[in-house]
Amino acid sequence: MVQGQVQAYRIDNGSLPSSVSTLVTDGYLRDDETTCPGGGAVTIDAEGIVSAGGS
């Protein structure tokens, strides 16, 4: 789901979000959508690829 929101942000803004917190601030994600169910943090790299950290 987060990867889809990264793409929606790119389409709407013409650039990739700089971080997951940008997606929250701009209303693309809720605060409770920034971690994996196992507790690992979700991150976005410079190419817009979403990764999920381990718990």
Protein backbone atom coordinates (compact mmCIF):
# COMPACT_ATOMS: atom_id res chain seq x y z
CA MET A 1 0.00 0.00 0.00
CA VAL A 2 2.79 2.45 0.84
CA GLN A 3 4.39 1.92 -2.58
CA GLY A 4 1.09 2.91 -4.17
CA GLN A 5 0.97 6.07 -2.09
CA VAL A 6 4.53 6.94 -3.15
CA GLN A 7 3.39 6.73 -6.77
CA ALA A 8 0.25 8.78 -6.07
CA TYR A 9 2.42 11.45 -4.44
CA ARG A 10 4.74 11.46 -7.47
CA ILE A 11 1.83 11.86 -9.87
CA ASP A 12 0.26 14.65 -7.81
CA ASN A 13 3.47 16.55 -7.03
CA GLY A 14 5.83 15.74 -9.90
CA SER A 15 8.51 14.38 -7.55
CA LEU A 16 9.05 11.57 -5.09
CA PRO A 17 8.41 12.13 -1.39
CA SER A 18 11.58 12.68 0.62
CA SER A 19 10.42 10.40 3.44
CA VAL A 20 7.52 8.46 4.90
CA SER A 21 6.83 11.42 7.18
CA THR A 22 6.22 13.56 4.08
CA LEU A 23 3.48 11.13 3.05
CA VAL A 24 1.91 11.49 6.50
CA THR A 25 2.20 15.29 6.58
CA ASP A 26 0.68 15.61 3.10
CA GLY A 27 -2.19 13.20 3.87
CA TYR A 28 -1.15 10.18 1.80
CA LEU A 29 -0.67 7.94 4.87
CA ARG A 30 -1.89 7.89 8.46
CA ASP A 31 0.57 7.76 11.36
CA ASP A 32 -0.39 4.15 12.04
CA GLU A 33 0.60 3.16 8.47
CA THR A 34 4.31 3.96 8.86
CA THR A 35 5.33 0.64 10.40
CA CYS A 36 4.90 -2.99 9.44
CA PRO A 37 2.58 -5.22 11.42
CA GLY A 38 5.72 -6.75 12.98
CA GLY A 39 6.87 -3.33 14.16
CA GLY A 40 9.60 -2.58 11.60
CA ALA A 41 9.83 0.89 10.13
CA VAL A 42 8.82 1.58 6.53
CA THR A 43 11.37 3.58 4.53
CA ILE A 44 11.58 5.06 1.03
CA ASP A 45 14.88 5.13 -0.87
CA ALA A 46 16.01 7.82 -3.32
CA GLU A 47 14.40 5.95 -6.24
CA GLY A 48 11.03 5.74 -4.45
CA ILE A 49 11.29 2.06 -3.52
CA VAL A 50 9.58 1.19 -0.24
CA SER A 51 11.34 -1.15 2.19
CA ALA A 52 10.12 -2.62 5.45
CA GLY A 53 12.53 -3.15 8.32
CA GLY A 54 12.46 -6.20 10.51
CA SER A 55 11.03 -6.17 13.99
